[in-house]
Amino acid sequence: MIDLHTHSFFSDGVLVPAEHLRRVEVLGYTAVAITDHADSSNMDFIIPRMIQVAKDLGPHSRTRLLPGIELTHVPPALIGPMVRKARELGAQVVVVHGETIVEPVAAGTNMAAIEAGADILSHPGFIKEDEARLAAKNGVFLELSGRKGHCLTNGFVAKIALRNGAQLVINADAHTPGDFLTADMARMVALGAGLNEEEYRQVQINTQAFVEGIPLIG
């Protein structure tokens, strides 16, 4: 089990990273990314601290902690520079908060994130065909979300992604302990979005390959 989109108390989650990591370790996760909400006001604060946390906790956990960030409600024109800045600061997973139907995300955010080569476009709502094709070309994962509200367009996202060859990822977008997905629940998210068992297995393979391609910290 891998989840690449979760939140700690560094943004609007409730757990310190140590407890966050311990709880998913007990659930059998092999890797988890903590991707707290950020813009230019706090990105340079969060990322270095999460890198230090990963160094401190890594030797003591069976679950690999990936320091990440979720650029959230950033104007589309600023997304490209901020993705680059996040990588310069050492973020191993860069998520952009997509055009979910339950928040007033600026139009053009999905395309800006894909053009910038973010790792994951979270809950992209009614993503367009040309955006999905570019996501496939640029290696950007489109998210199927386990989170209330954001999950409402999972079926649409899955259909558009599969039709255009874009890779999918299943994430909890967890903010509290009760939000973490079990392996069974992650499978239900996939099947509920219309994936079949083989398509779900391919999502797992692609996610694992992505994590394996990330260098170990320190």
N, C-alpha and C. Protein backbone atom coordinates (compact mmCIF):
# COMPACT_ATOMS: atom_id res chain seq x y z
N MET A 1 0.84 -1.19 0.00
CA MET A 1 0.00 0.00 0.00
C MET A 1 0.88 1.25 0.00
N ILE A 2 0.57 2.16 -0.92
CA ILE A 2 1.30 3.42 -1.04
C ILE A 2 0.29 4.54 -1.16
N ASP A 3 0.54 5.65 -0.48
CA ASP A 3 -0.30 6.83 -0.63
C ASP A 3 0.61 8.04 -0.82
N LEU A 4 0.36 8.80 -1.88
CA LEU A 4 1.24 9.91 -2.24
C LEU A 4 0.59 11.28 -2.03
N HIS A 5 -0.46 11.33 -1.20
CA HIS A 5 -1.13 12.61 -0.96
C HIS A 5 -1.79 12.56 0.41
N THR A 6 -1.07 13.07 1.42
CA THR A 6 -1.60 13.13 2.79
C THR A 6 -1.12 14.43 3.45
N HIS A 7 -1.75 14.76 4.58
CA HIS A 7 -1.47 16.04 5.24
C HIS A 7 -1.22 15.86 6.73
N SER A 8 -0.26 16.60 7.23
CA SER A 8 0.08 16.60 8.66
C SER A 8 -0.30 17.94 9.28
N PHE A 9 0.11 18.14 10.52
CA PHE A 9 -0.23 19.40 11.18
C PHE A 9 0.58 20.59 10.64
N PHE A 10 1.47 20.34 9.68
CA PHE A 10 2.14 21.44 9.02
C PHE A 10 1.19 22.22 8.12
N SER A 11 0.02 21.65 7.81
CA SER A 11 -1.02 22.44 7.14
C SER A 11 -2.34 22.19 7.87
N ASP A 12 -3.28 21.48 7.24
CA ASP A 12 -4.58 21.31 7.88
C ASP A 12 -4.85 19.88 8.34
N GLY A 13 -3.80 19.06 8.45
CA GLY A 13 -3.93 17.76 9.09
C GLY A 13 -3.84 17.90 10.59
N VAL A 14 -3.98 16.78 11.30
CA VAL A 14 -4.01 16.84 12.77
C VAL A 14 -2.85 16.11 13.44
N LEU A 15 -2.07 15.35 12.69
CA LEU A 15 -1.02 14.53 13.29
C LEU A 15 0.36 15.12 13.06
N VAL A 16 1.24 14.98 14.06
CA VAL A 16 2.65 15.24 13.81
C VAL A 16 3.17 14.14 12.89
N PRO A 17 4.21 14.40 12.10
CA PRO A 17 4.68 13.40 11.15
C PRO A 17 5.02 12.05 11.77
N ALA A 18 5.55 12.03 12.99
CA ALA A 18 5.92 10.76 13.61
C ALA A 18 4.70 9.87 13.82
N GLU A 19 3.60 10.45 14.33
CA GLU A 19 2.39 9.64 14.51
C GLU A 19 1.76 9.28 13.17
N HIS A 20 1.79 10.20 12.26
CA HIS A 20 1.30 9.98 10.91
C HIS A 20 1.97 8.74 10.30
N LEU A 21 3.29 8.72 10.37
CA LEU A 21 4.05 7.60 9.82
C LEU A 21 3.75 6.31 10.55
N ARG A 22 3.67 6.37 11.87
CA ARG A 22 3.41 5.16 12.65
C ARG A 22 2.05 4.56 12.32
N ARG A 23 1.06 5.39 12.16
CA ARG A 23 -0.29 4.88 11.87
C ARG A 23 -0.35 4.17 10.52
N VAL A 24 0.31 4.71 9.51
CA VAL A 24 0.27 4.01 8.22
C VAL A 24 1.18 2.79 8.21
N GLU A 25 2.24 2.83 9.03
CA GLU A 25 3.08 1.64 9.16
C GLU A 25 2.27 0.47 9.70
N VAL A 26 1.43 0.72 10.69
CA VAL A 26 0.58 -0.32 11.27
C VAL A 26 -0.42 -0.84 10.23
N LEU A 27 -0.83 0.03 9.30
CA LEU A 27 -1.75 -0.38 8.24
C LEU A 27 -1.05 -1.14 7.11
N GLY A 28 0.27 -1.25 7.19
CA GLY A 28 1.00 -2.03 6.21
C GLY A 28 1.50 -1.25 5.01
N TYR A 29 1.55 0.07 5.10
CA TYR A 29 2.04 0.86 3.98
C TYR A 29 3.53 0.62 3.76
N THR A 30 3.93 0.59 2.51
CA THR A 30 5.36 0.55 2.20
C THR A 30 5.94 1.95 2.02
N ALA A 31 5.08 2.91 1.64
CA ALA A 31 5.55 4.30 1.48
C ALA A 31 4.37 5.25 1.63
N VAL A 32 4.66 6.45 2.14
CA VAL A 32 3.65 7.49 2.24
C VAL A 32 4.33 8.83 1.99
N ALA A 33 3.67 9.70 1.24
CA ALA A 33 4.15 11.06 1.05
C ALA A 33 3.31 11.99 1.92
N ILE A 34 3.96 12.86 2.66
CA ILE A 34 3.26 13.93 3.36
C ILE A 34 3.39 15.17 2.48
N THR A 35 2.26 15.64 2.02
CA THR A 35 2.22 16.70 1.00
C THR A 35 1.34 17.85 1.51
N ASP A 36 1.86 18.58 2.46
CA ASP A 36 1.05 19.62 3.08
C ASP A 36 0.78 20.77 2.11
N HIS A 37 -0.36 21.44 2.34
CA HIS A 37 -0.78 22.56 1.50
C HIS A 37 0.23 23.70 1.59
N ALA A 38 0.52 24.28 0.43
CA ALA A 38 1.51 25.36 0.42
C ALA A 38 1.28 26.32 -0.73
N ASP A 39 1.78 27.52 -0.53
CA ASP A 39 1.96 28.50 -1.59
C ASP A 39 3.31 29.18 -1.32
N SER A 40 3.52 30.36 -1.84
CA SER A 40 4.83 30.99 -1.64
C SER A 40 5.07 31.43 -0.21
N SER A 41 4.03 31.44 0.63
CA SER A 41 4.19 31.90 2.00
C SER A 41 4.84 30.88 2.92
N ASN A 42 4.72 29.59 2.59
CA ASN A 42 5.17 28.57 3.55
C ASN A 42 5.95 27.42 2.95
N MET A 43 6.11 27.39 1.64
CA MET A 43 6.77 26.25 1.01
C MET A 43 8.20 26.08 1.51
N ASP A 44 8.92 27.19 1.66
CA ASP A 44 10.31 27.09 2.10
C ASP A 44 10.43 26.76 3.59
N PHE A 45 9.34 26.83 4.31
CA PHE A 45 9.30 26.41 5.72
C PHE A 45 9.02 24.91 5.82
N ILE A 46 8.05 24.43 5.05
CA ILE A 46 7.60 23.04 5.19
C ILE A 46 8.59 22.03 4.64
N ILE A 47 9.06 22.25 3.43
CA ILE A 47 9.84 21.21 2.76
C ILE A 47 11.12 20.85 3.51
N PRO A 48 11.95 21.81 3.92
CA PRO A 48 13.17 21.42 4.64
C PRO A 48 12.89 20.67 5.94
N ARG A 49 11.83 21.03 6.63
CA ARG A 49 11.49 20.34 7.87
C ARG A 49 11.01 18.92 7.61
N MET A 50 10.27 18.72 6.55
CA MET A 50 9.81 17.38 6.23
C MET A 50 10.97 16.49 5.77
N ILE A 51 11.93 17.09 5.10
CA ILE A 51 13.13 16.33 4.74
C ILE A 51 13.87 15.88 5.99
N GLN A 52 14.00 16.77 6.96
CA GLN A 52 14.66 16.42 8.22
C GLN A 52 13.90 15.33 8.95
N VAL A 53 12.56 15.44 8.97
CA VAL A 53 11.74 14.41 9.61
C VAL A 53 11.96 13.06 8.95
N ALA A 54 12.01 13.04 7.62
CA ALA A 54 12.22 11.78 6.91
C ALA A 54 13.58 11.18 7.26
N LYS A 55 14.59 12.02 7.40
CA LYS A 55 15.91 11.53 7.81
C LYS A 55 15.87 10.95 9.22
N ASP A 56 15.17 11.65 10.12
CA ASP A 56 15.12 11.22 11.52
C ASP A 56 14.34 9.92 11.68
N LEU A 57 13.20 9.81 11.01
CA LEU A 57 12.31 8.68 11.23
C LEU A 57 12.64 7.47 10.36
N GLY A 58 13.33 7.71 9.25
CA GLY A 58 13.58 6.64 8.31
C GLY A 58 14.18 5.37 8.90
N PRO A 59 15.19 5.48 9.74
CA PRO A 59 15.80 4.26 10.29
C PRO A 59 14.90 3.50 11.26
N HIS A 60 13.80 4.10 11.66
CA HIS A 60 12.96 3.52 12.71
C HIS A 60 11.60 3.04 12.21
N SER A 61 11.40 3.04 10.90
CA SER A 61 10.10 2.68 10.36
C SER A 61 10.25 1.76 9.16
N ARG A 62 9.31 0.83 9.03
CA ARG A 62 9.26 -0.03 7.84
C ARG A 62 8.62 0.71 6.67
N THR A 63 7.99 1.84 6.94
CA THR A 63 7.32 2.63 5.90
C THR A 63 8.22 3.79 5.49
N ARG A 64 8.42 3.93 4.21
CA ARG A 64 9.26 5.01 3.70
C ARG A 64 8.46 6.31 3.68
N LEU A 65 9.02 7.36 4.26
CA LEU A 65 8.39 8.67 4.27
C LEU A 65 8.99 9.53 3.16
N LEU A 66 8.13 10.02 2.27
CA LEU A 66 8.56 10.86 1.16
C LEU A 66 8.16 12.32 1.44
N PRO A 67 9.11 13.22 1.56
CA PRO A 67 8.78 14.63 1.78
C PRO A 67 8.18 15.24 0.52
N GLY A 68 6.98 15.77 0.64
CA GLY A 68 6.32 16.34 -0.52
C GLY A 68 5.67 17.66 -0.21
N ILE A 69 4.87 18.12 -1.15
CA ILE A 69 4.16 19.39 -1.00
C ILE A 69 2.95 19.37 -1.93
N GLU A 70 1.87 20.03 -1.53
CA GLU A 70 0.73 20.22 -2.43
C GLU A 70 0.52 21.71 -2.64
N LEU A 71 0.81 22.18 -3.84
CA LEU A 71 0.58 23.58 -4.19
C LEU A 71 -0.92 23.78 -4.33
N THR A 72 -1.48 24.68 -3.53
CA THR A 72 -2.92 24.74 -3.33
C THR A 72 -3.47 26.13 -3.62
N HIS A 73 -4.41 26.20 -4.57
CA HIS A 73 -5.04 27.46 -4.97
C HIS A 73 -4.01 28.50 -5.41
N VAL A 74 -2.93 28.02 -5.97
CA VAL A 74 -1.91 28.92 -6.53
C VAL A 74 -2.40 29.38 -7.90
N PRO A 75 -2.32 30.66 -8.23
CA PRO A 75 -2.73 31.11 -9.56
C PRO A 75 -2.00 30.34 -10.65
N PRO A 76 -2.69 29.96 -11.71
CA PRO A 76 -2.06 29.14 -12.75
C PRO A 76 -0.74 29.70 -13.27
N ALA A 77 -0.62 31.01 -13.40
CA ALA A 77 0.61 31.59 -13.93
C ALA A 77 1.81 31.37 -13.02
N LEU A 78 1.56 31.09 -11.74
CA LEU A 78 2.65 30.89 -10.77
C LEU A 78 2.98 29.42 -10.55
N ILE A 79 2.19 28.52 -11.10
CA ILE A 79 2.38 27.11 -10.79
C ILE A 79 3.72 26.59 -11.33
N GLY A 80 4.05 26.93 -12.57
CA GLY A 80 5.32 26.45 -13.13
C GLY A 80 6.52 26.85 -12.28
N PRO A 81 6.69 28.14 -11.96
CA PRO A 81 7.82 28.54 -11.12
C PRO A 81 7.80 27.88 -9.74
N MET A 82 6.61 27.67 -9.19
CA MET A 82 6.55 27.09 -7.85
C MET A 82 6.84 25.60 -7.86
N VAL A 83 6.48 24.89 -8.93
CA VAL A 83 6.87 23.49 -9.06
C VAL A 83 8.39 23.39 -9.10
N ARG A 84 9.00 24.25 -9.89
CA ARG A 84 10.47 24.24 -9.97
C ARG A 84 11.10 24.56 -8.62
N LYS A 85 10.55 25.54 -7.91
CA LYS A 85 11.08 25.91 -6.60
C LYS A 85 10.93 24.76 -5.60
N ALA A 86 9.80 24.07 -5.64
CA ALA A 86 9.59 22.94 -4.74
C ALA A 86 10.65 21.87 -4.96
N ARG A 87 10.97 21.61 -6.21
CA ARG A 87 12.00 20.60 -6.50
C ARG A 87 13.38 21.08 -6.05
N GLU A 88 13.66 22.37 -6.24
CA GLU A 88 14.94 22.91 -5.78
C GLU A 88 15.08 22.78 -4.27
N LEU A 89 13.98 22.91 -3.55
CA LEU A 89 14.00 22.79 -2.08
C LEU A 89 14.10 21.34 -1.63
N GLY A 90 13.91 20.40 -2.54
CA GLY A 90 14.09 18.99 -2.22
C GLY A 90 12.82 18.17 -2.10
N ALA A 91 11.67 18.72 -2.47
CA ALA A 91 10.44 17.94 -2.42
C ALA A 91 10.54 16.73 -3.35
N GLN A 92 10.22 15.56 -2.83
CA GLN A 92 10.29 14.34 -3.63
C GLN A 92 8.98 14.02 -4.33
N VAL A 93 7.89 14.57 -3.86
CA VAL A 93 6.58 14.41 -4.51
C VAL A 93 5.93 15.79 -4.57
N VAL A 94 5.69 16.26 -5.78
CA VAL A 94 5.06 17.57 -5.97
C VAL A 94 3.64 17.35 -6.51
N VAL A 95 2.68 17.72 -5.68
CA VAL A 95 1.26 17.61 -6.02
C VAL A 95 0.73 19.01 -6.29
N VAL A 96 -0.16 19.12 -7.26
CA VAL A 96 -0.89 20.38 -7.46
C VAL A 96 -2.36 20.10 -7.22
N HIS A 97 -2.97 20.95 -6.42
CA HIS A 97 -4.38 20.87 -6.05
C HIS A 97 -5.24 21.19 -7.27
N GLY A 98 -5.85 20.15 -7.84
CA GLY A 98 -6.55 20.30 -9.10
C GLY A 98 -7.92 20.93 -8.99
N GLU A 99 -8.61 20.99 -10.13
CA GLU A 99 -9.87 21.71 -10.26
C GLU A 99 -11.07 20.89 -9.77
N THR A 100 -10.99 20.50 -8.50
CA THR A 100 -12.10 19.80 -7.86
C THR A 100 -13.39 20.59 -7.98
N ILE A 101 -14.51 19.88 -8.07
CA ILE A 101 -15.79 20.57 -8.22
C ILE A 101 -16.31 21.14 -6.90
N VAL A 102 -15.66 20.84 -5.78
CA VAL A 102 -16.17 21.28 -4.48
C VAL A 102 -15.39 22.47 -3.91
N GLU A 103 -14.47 23.05 -4.68
CA GLU A 103 -13.74 24.24 -4.26
C GLU A 103 -13.58 25.17 -5.45
N PRO A 104 -13.44 26.47 -5.20
CA PRO A 104 -13.32 27.44 -6.30
C PRO A 104 -11.89 27.54 -6.84
N VAL A 105 -11.37 26.43 -7.34
CA VAL A 105 -10.02 26.43 -7.90
C VAL A 105 -10.04 27.16 -9.24
N ALA A 106 -9.04 27.98 -9.49
CA ALA A 106 -9.00 28.80 -10.70
C ALA A 106 -8.96 27.94 -11.95
N ALA A 107 -9.75 28.31 -12.94
CA ALA A 107 -9.69 27.64 -14.23
C ALA A 107 -8.30 27.78 -14.81
N GLY A 108 -7.81 26.72 -15.41
CA GLY A 108 -6.45 26.70 -15.95
C GLY A 108 -5.44 26.05 -15.04
N THR A 109 -5.85 25.74 -13.81
CA THR A 109 -4.94 25.10 -12.86
C THR A 109 -4.51 23.73 -13.35
N ASN A 110 -5.45 22.93 -13.83
CA ASN A 110 -5.10 21.59 -14.29
C ASN A 110 -4.04 21.64 -15.38
N MET A 111 -4.26 22.45 -16.39
CA MET A 111 -3.31 22.53 -17.50
C MET A 111 -1.96 23.06 -17.03
N ALA A 112 -1.97 24.08 -16.17
CA ALA A 112 -0.71 24.65 -15.69
C ALA A 112 0.11 23.61 -14.94
N ALA A 113 -0.56 22.79 -14.12
CA ALA A 113 0.14 21.74 -13.37
C ALA A 113 0.73 20.70 -14.29
N ILE A 114 -0.02 20.33 -15.31
CA ILE A 114 0.45 19.31 -16.25
C ILE A 114 1.61 19.85 -17.08
N GLU A 115 1.47 21.08 -17.55
CA GLU A 115 2.56 21.70 -18.33
C GLU A 115 3.82 21.83 -17.49
N ALA A 116 3.67 22.07 -16.18
CA ALA A 116 4.83 22.23 -15.30
C ALA A 116 5.48 20.90 -14.94
N GLY A 117 4.81 19.78 -15.25
CA GLY A 117 5.37 18.47 -14.92
C GLY A 117 5.30 18.13 -13.46
N ALA A 118 4.25 18.58 -12.78
CA ALA A 118 4.03 18.12 -11.40
C ALA A 118 3.94 16.60 -11.40
N ASP A 119 4.23 16.00 -10.27
CA ASP A 119 4.14 14.54 -10.20
C ASP A 119 2.68 14.07 -10.22
N ILE A 120 1.83 14.77 -9.49
CA ILE A 120 0.43 14.36 -9.33
C ILE A 120 -0.47 15.58 -9.46
N LEU A 121 -1.53 15.42 -10.26
CA LEU A 121 -2.61 16.40 -10.28
C LEU A 121 -3.74 15.80 -9.45
N SER A 122 -3.94 16.36 -8.26
CA SER A 122 -4.92 15.78 -7.35
C SER A 122 -6.34 16.19 -7.76
N HIS A 123 -7.27 15.29 -7.49
CA HIS A 123 -8.71 15.51 -7.72
C HIS A 123 -8.97 16.53 -8.84
N PRO A 124 -8.71 16.16 -10.10
CA PRO A 124 -8.76 17.13 -11.19
C PRO A 124 -10.15 17.44 -11.73
N GLY A 125 -11.21 16.96 -11.08
CA GLY A 125 -12.56 17.34 -11.47
C GLY A 125 -12.89 16.91 -12.89
N PHE A 126 -13.50 17.80 -13.65
CA PHE A 126 -13.88 17.49 -15.03
C PHE A 126 -12.72 17.81 -15.96
N ILE A 127 -11.66 17.04 -15.84
CA ILE A 127 -10.47 17.24 -16.64
C ILE A 127 -10.79 17.04 -18.12
N LYS A 128 -10.14 17.82 -18.95
CA LYS A 128 -10.40 17.79 -20.39
C LYS A 128 -9.54 16.72 -21.09
N GLU A 129 -10.00 16.31 -22.24
CA GLU A 129 -9.30 15.28 -23.01
C GLU A 129 -7.87 15.72 -23.35
N ASP A 130 -7.70 16.96 -23.81
CA ASP A 130 -6.36 17.40 -24.18
C ASP A 130 -5.44 17.50 -22.98
N GLU A 131 -5.99 17.80 -21.81
CA GLU A 131 -5.20 17.82 -20.59
C GLU A 131 -4.74 16.42 -20.23
N ALA A 132 -5.62 15.45 -20.36
CA ALA A 132 -5.26 14.07 -20.06
C ALA A 132 -4.20 13.55 -21.03
N ARG A 133 -4.32 13.92 -22.30
CA ARG A 133 -3.30 13.50 -23.27
C ARG A 133 -1.94 14.08 -22.93
N LEU A 134 -1.92 15.35 -22.51
CA LEU A 134 -0.65 15.97 -22.13
C LEU A 134 -0.12 15.36 -20.84
N ALA A 135 -1.01 15.02 -19.92
CA ALA A 135 -0.58 14.34 -18.69
C ALA A 135 0.11 13.02 -19.03
N ALA A 136 -0.44 12.29 -19.98
CA ALA A 136 0.18 11.03 -20.41
C ALA A 136 1.57 11.30 -20.98
N LYS A 137 1.70 12.32 -21.79
CA LYS A 137 2.98 12.66 -22.41
C LYS A 137 4.00 13.10 -21.38
N ASN A 138 3.55 13.89 -20.39
CA ASN A 138 4.47 14.47 -19.40
C ASN A 138 4.67 13.59 -18.17
N GLY A 139 4.00 12.45 -18.12
CA GLY A 139 4.17 11.55 -16.97
C GLY A 139 3.55 12.05 -15.69
N VAL A 140 2.47 12.82 -15.80
CA VAL A 140 1.77 13.34 -14.63
C VAL A 140 0.65 12.39 -14.24
N PHE A 141 0.63 11.94 -13.00
CA PHE A 141 -0.43 11.07 -12.51
C PHE A 141 -1.70 11.88 -12.26
N LEU A 142 -2.83 11.31 -12.64
CA LEU A 142 -4.14 11.88 -12.31
C LEU A 142 -4.72 11.09 -11.15
N GLU A 143 -5.24 11.80 -10.17
CA GLU A 143 -5.63 11.17 -8.91
C GLU A 143 -7.09 10.74 -8.87
N LEU A 144 -7.29 9.52 -8.37
CA LEU A 144 -8.60 9.08 -7.88
C LEU A 144 -8.56 9.26 -6.38
N SER A 145 -9.48 10.05 -5.86
CA SER A 145 -9.41 10.50 -4.47
C SER A 145 -10.33 9.70 -3.57
N GLY A 146 -9.84 9.40 -2.38
CA GLY A 146 -10.66 8.78 -1.36
C GLY A 146 -11.37 9.78 -0.48
N ARG A 147 -11.20 11.08 -0.76
CA ARG A 147 -11.72 12.11 0.13
C ARG A 147 -13.13 12.54 -0.27
N LYS A 148 -13.96 12.74 0.75
CA LYS A 148 -15.33 13.20 0.54
C LYS A 148 -15.34 14.46 -0.31
N GLY A 149 -16.24 14.53 -1.25
CA GLY A 149 -16.35 15.68 -2.13
C GLY A 149 -15.45 15.55 -3.35
N HIS A 150 -14.16 15.49 -3.11
CA HIS A 150 -13.22 15.35 -4.23
C HIS A 150 -13.47 14.06 -5.02
N CYS A 151 -13.99 13.04 -4.36
CA CYS A 151 -14.18 11.73 -5.00
C CYS A 151 -15.36 11.72 -5.97
N LEU A 152 -16.16 12.77 -5.98
CA LEU A 152 -17.40 12.76 -6.78
C LEU A 152 -17.14 12.63 -8.28
N THR A 153 -15.98 13.06 -8.73
CA THR A 153 -15.67 12.96 -10.16
C THR A 153 -14.68 11.84 -10.47
N ASN A 154 -14.46 10.92 -9.53
CA ASN A 154 -13.51 9.84 -9.78
C ASN A 154 -13.83 9.05 -11.05
N GLY A 155 -15.11 8.73 -11.24
CA GLY A 155 -15.48 7.95 -12.41
C GLY A 155 -15.17 8.68 -13.71
N PHE A 156 -15.42 9.99 -13.72
CA PHE A 156 -15.10 10.80 -14.90
C PHE A 156 -13.60 10.83 -15.14
N VAL A 157 -12.83 11.07 -14.07
CA VAL A 157 -11.37 11.13 -14.20
C VAL A 157 -10.82 9.80 -14.72
N ALA A 158 -11.31 8.69 -14.18
CA ALA A 158 -10.84 7.38 -14.61
C ALA A 158 -11.12 7.15 -16.08
N LYS A 159 -12.32 7.49 -16.52
CA LYS A 159 -12.70 7.29 -17.92
C LYS A 159 -11.82 8.10 -18.86
N ILE A 160 -11.61 9.38 -18.53
CA ILE A 160 -10.80 10.24 -19.39
C ILE A 160 -9.34 9.79 -19.38
N ALA A 161 -8.83 9.41 -18.21
CA ALA A 161 -7.44 8.96 -18.12
C ALA A 161 -7.21 7.69 -18.94
N LEU A 162 -8.07 6.72 -18.78
CA LEU A 162 -7.91 5.46 -19.50
C LEU A 162 -8.02 5.66 -21.00
N ARG A 163 -8.91 6.54 -21.41
CA ARG A 163 -9.12 6.77 -22.84
C ARG A 163 -7.92 7.46 -23.48
N ASN A 164 -7.15 8.21 -22.67
CA ASN A 164 -6.05 9.00 -23.22
C ASN A 164 -4.67 8.53 -22.78
N GLY A 165 -4.61 7.40 -22.08
CA GLY A 165 -3.33 6.83 -21.72
C GLY A 165 -2.63 7.47 -20.54
N ALA A 166 -3.36 8.27 -19.75
CA ALA A 166 -2.74 8.91 -18.58
C ALA A 166 -2.70 7.94 -17.41
N GLN A 167 -1.65 8.04 -16.61
CA GLN A 167 -1.51 7.19 -15.45
C GLN A 167 -2.39 7.69 -14.30
N LEU A 168 -2.93 6.74 -13.57
CA LEU A 168 -3.77 7.05 -12.41
C LEU A 168 -3.05 6.68 -11.13
N VAL A 169 -3.41 7.36 -10.04
CA VAL A 169 -2.93 7.04 -8.71
C VAL A 169 -4.10 7.16 -7.75
N ILE A 170 -4.13 6.31 -6.74
CA ILE A 170 -5.20 6.33 -5.74
C ILE A 170 -4.62 6.86 -4.44
N ASN A 171 -5.19 7.97 -3.95
CA ASN A 171 -4.71 8.60 -2.73
C ASN A 171 -5.87 8.91 -1.79
N ALA A 172 -5.57 8.92 -0.50
CA ALA A 172 -6.61 9.21 0.49
C ALA A 172 -6.86 10.69 0.66
N ASP A 173 -5.83 11.53 0.40
CA ASP A 173 -5.91 12.95 0.78
C ASP A 173 -6.24 13.03 2.27
N ALA A 174 -5.54 12.20 3.07
CA ALA A 174 -5.86 12.06 4.49
C ALA A 174 -5.45 13.30 5.28
N HIS A 175 -6.35 13.71 6.18
CA HIS A 175 -6.09 14.79 7.11
C HIS A 175 -6.16 14.33 8.57
N THR A 176 -6.88 13.25 8.81
CA THR A 176 -7.06 12.71 10.16
C THR A 176 -6.80 11.21 10.13
N PRO A 177 -6.59 10.57 11.29
CA PRO A 177 -6.33 9.13 11.31
C PRO A 177 -7.41 8.31 10.61
N GLY A 178 -8.66 8.73 10.72
CA GLY A 178 -9.73 7.98 10.10
C GLY A 178 -9.78 8.08 8.59
N ASP A 179 -8.97 8.96 8.02
CA ASP A 179 -8.96 9.14 6.57
C ASP A 179 -8.07 8.15 5.84
N PHE A 180 -7.10 7.56 6.52
CA PHE A 180 -6.16 6.68 5.85
C PHE A 180 -6.90 5.49 5.22
N LEU A 181 -6.54 5.18 3.99
CA LEU A 181 -7.16 4.05 3.29
C LEU A 181 -6.46 2.75 3.68
N THR A 182 -7.24 1.72 3.90
CA THR A 182 -6.69 0.37 3.95
C THR A 182 -6.53 -0.12 2.51
N ALA A 183 -5.84 -1.23 2.34
CA ALA A 183 -5.68 -1.79 1.00
C ALA A 183 -7.04 -2.14 0.39
N ASP A 184 -7.94 -2.66 1.20
CA ASP A 184 -9.28 -3.01 0.71
C ASP A 184 -10.05 -1.77 0.26
N MET A 185 -9.93 -0.69 1.03
CA MET A 185 -10.64 0.53 0.67
C MET A 185 -10.06 1.17 -0.59
N ALA A 186 -8.75 1.12 -0.74
CA ALA A 186 -8.14 1.65 -1.95
C ALA A 186 -8.65 0.89 -3.18
N ARG A 187 -8.78 -0.40 -3.04
CA ARG A 187 -9.33 -1.22 -4.14
C ARG A 187 -10.76 -0.80 -4.43
N MET A 188 -11.54 -0.52 -3.40
CA MET A 188 -12.93 -0.11 -3.60
C MET A 188 -13.00 1.24 -4.30
N VAL A 189 -12.08 2.16 -3.98
CA VAL A 189 -12.03 3.44 -4.68
C VAL A 189 -11.81 3.20 -6.17
N ALA A 190 -10.88 2.31 -6.49
CA ALA A 190 -10.58 2.01 -7.89
C ALA A 190 -11.77 1.38 -8.60
N LEU A 191 -12.35 0.36 -8.01
CA LEU A 191 -13.46 -0.33 -8.65
C LEU A 191 -14.69 0.58 -8.72
N GLY A 192 -14.88 1.39 -7.69
CA GLY A 192 -16.00 2.32 -7.70
C GLY A 192 -15.88 3.37 -8.78
N ALA A 193 -14.66 3.67 -9.19
CA ALA A 193 -14.44 4.63 -10.28
C ALA A 193 -14.57 3.99 -11.64
N GLY A 194 -14.78 2.67 -11.67
CA GLY A 194 -14.98 1.99 -12.93
C GLY A 194 -13.80 1.19 -13.43
N LEU A 195 -12.70 1.15 -12.67
CA LEU A 195 -11.57 0.33 -13.08
C LEU A 195 -11.90 -1.14 -12.87
N ASN A 196 -11.32 -2.00 -13.71
CA ASN A 196 -11.41 -3.43 -13.46
C ASN A 196 -10.19 -3.88 -12.67
N GLU A 197 -10.15 -5.14 -12.32
CA GLU A 197 -9.07 -5.64 -11.45
C GLU A 197 -7.70 -5.47 -12.10
N GLU A 198 -7.60 -5.73 -13.40
CA GLU A 198 -6.32 -5.60 -14.08
C GLU A 198 -5.89 -4.14 -14.13
N GLU A 199 -6.81 -3.24 -14.37
CA GLU A 199 -6.48 -1.81 -14.39
C GLU A 199 -6.04 -1.33 -13.01
N TYR A 200 -6.69 -1.84 -11.97
CA TYR A 200 -6.28 -1.50 -10.62
C TYR A 200 -4.88 -2.03 -10.33
N ARG A 201 -4.60 -3.24 -10.76
CA ARG A 201 -3.27 -3.81 -10.55
C ARG A 201 -2.21 -2.96 -11.27
N GLN A 202 -2.54 -2.44 -12.44
CA GLN A 202 -1.59 -1.61 -13.17
C GLN A 202 -1.34 -0.30 -12.45
N VAL A 203 -2.38 0.26 -11.84
CA VAL A 203 -2.20 1.47 -11.02
C VAL A 203 -1.19 1.20 -9.90
N GLN A 204 -1.33 0.06 -9.24
CA GLN A 204 -0.40 -0.28 -8.17
C GLN A 204 1.02 -0.43 -8.69
N ILE A 205 1.18 -1.09 -9.84
CA ILE A 205 2.50 -1.29 -10.43
C ILE A 205 3.14 0.05 -10.78
N ASN A 206 2.36 0.94 -11.39
CA ASN A 206 2.89 2.24 -11.79
C ASN A 206 3.28 3.09 -10.58
N THR A 207 2.47 3.02 -9.54
CA THR A 207 2.76 3.79 -8.32
C THR A 207 4.03 3.27 -7.66
N GLN A 208 4.16 1.95 -7.59
CA GLN A 208 5.36 1.35 -7.01
C GLN A 208 6.61 1.74 -7.81
N ALA A 209 6.49 1.72 -9.12
CA ALA A 209 7.63 2.08 -9.98
C ALA A 209 8.04 3.54 -9.76
N PHE A 210 7.05 4.41 -9.59
CA PHE A 210 7.34 5.82 -9.32
C PHE A 210 8.13 5.97 -8.02
N VAL A 211 7.69 5.31 -6.97
CA VAL A 211 8.36 5.41 -5.67
C VAL A 211 9.78 4.83 -5.75
N GLU A 212 9.92 3.72 -6.44
CA GLU A 212 11.24 3.10 -6.57
C GLU A 212 12.22 3.99 -7.33
N GLY A 213 11.70 4.89 -8.15
CA GLY A 213 12.56 5.80 -8.90
C GLY A 213 13.01 7.02 -8.12
N ILE A 214 12.51 7.18 -6.89
CA ILE A 214 12.87 8.32 -6.06
C ILE A 214 14.09 7.96 -5.21
N PRO A 215 15.16 8.71 -5.26
CA PRO A 215 16.35 8.38 -4.47
C PRO A 215 16.08 8.40 -2.97
N LEU A 216 16.76 7.54 -2.25
CA LEU A 216 16.65 7.53 -0.80
C LEU A 216 17.30 8.77 -0.22
N ILE A 217 16.73 9.25 0.87
CA ILE A 217 17.27 10.44 1.54
C ILE A 217 18.42 10.07 2.46
N GLY A 218 19.48 10.82 2.34
CA GLY A 218 20.59 10.75 3.27
C GLY A 218 21.06 9.40 3.66
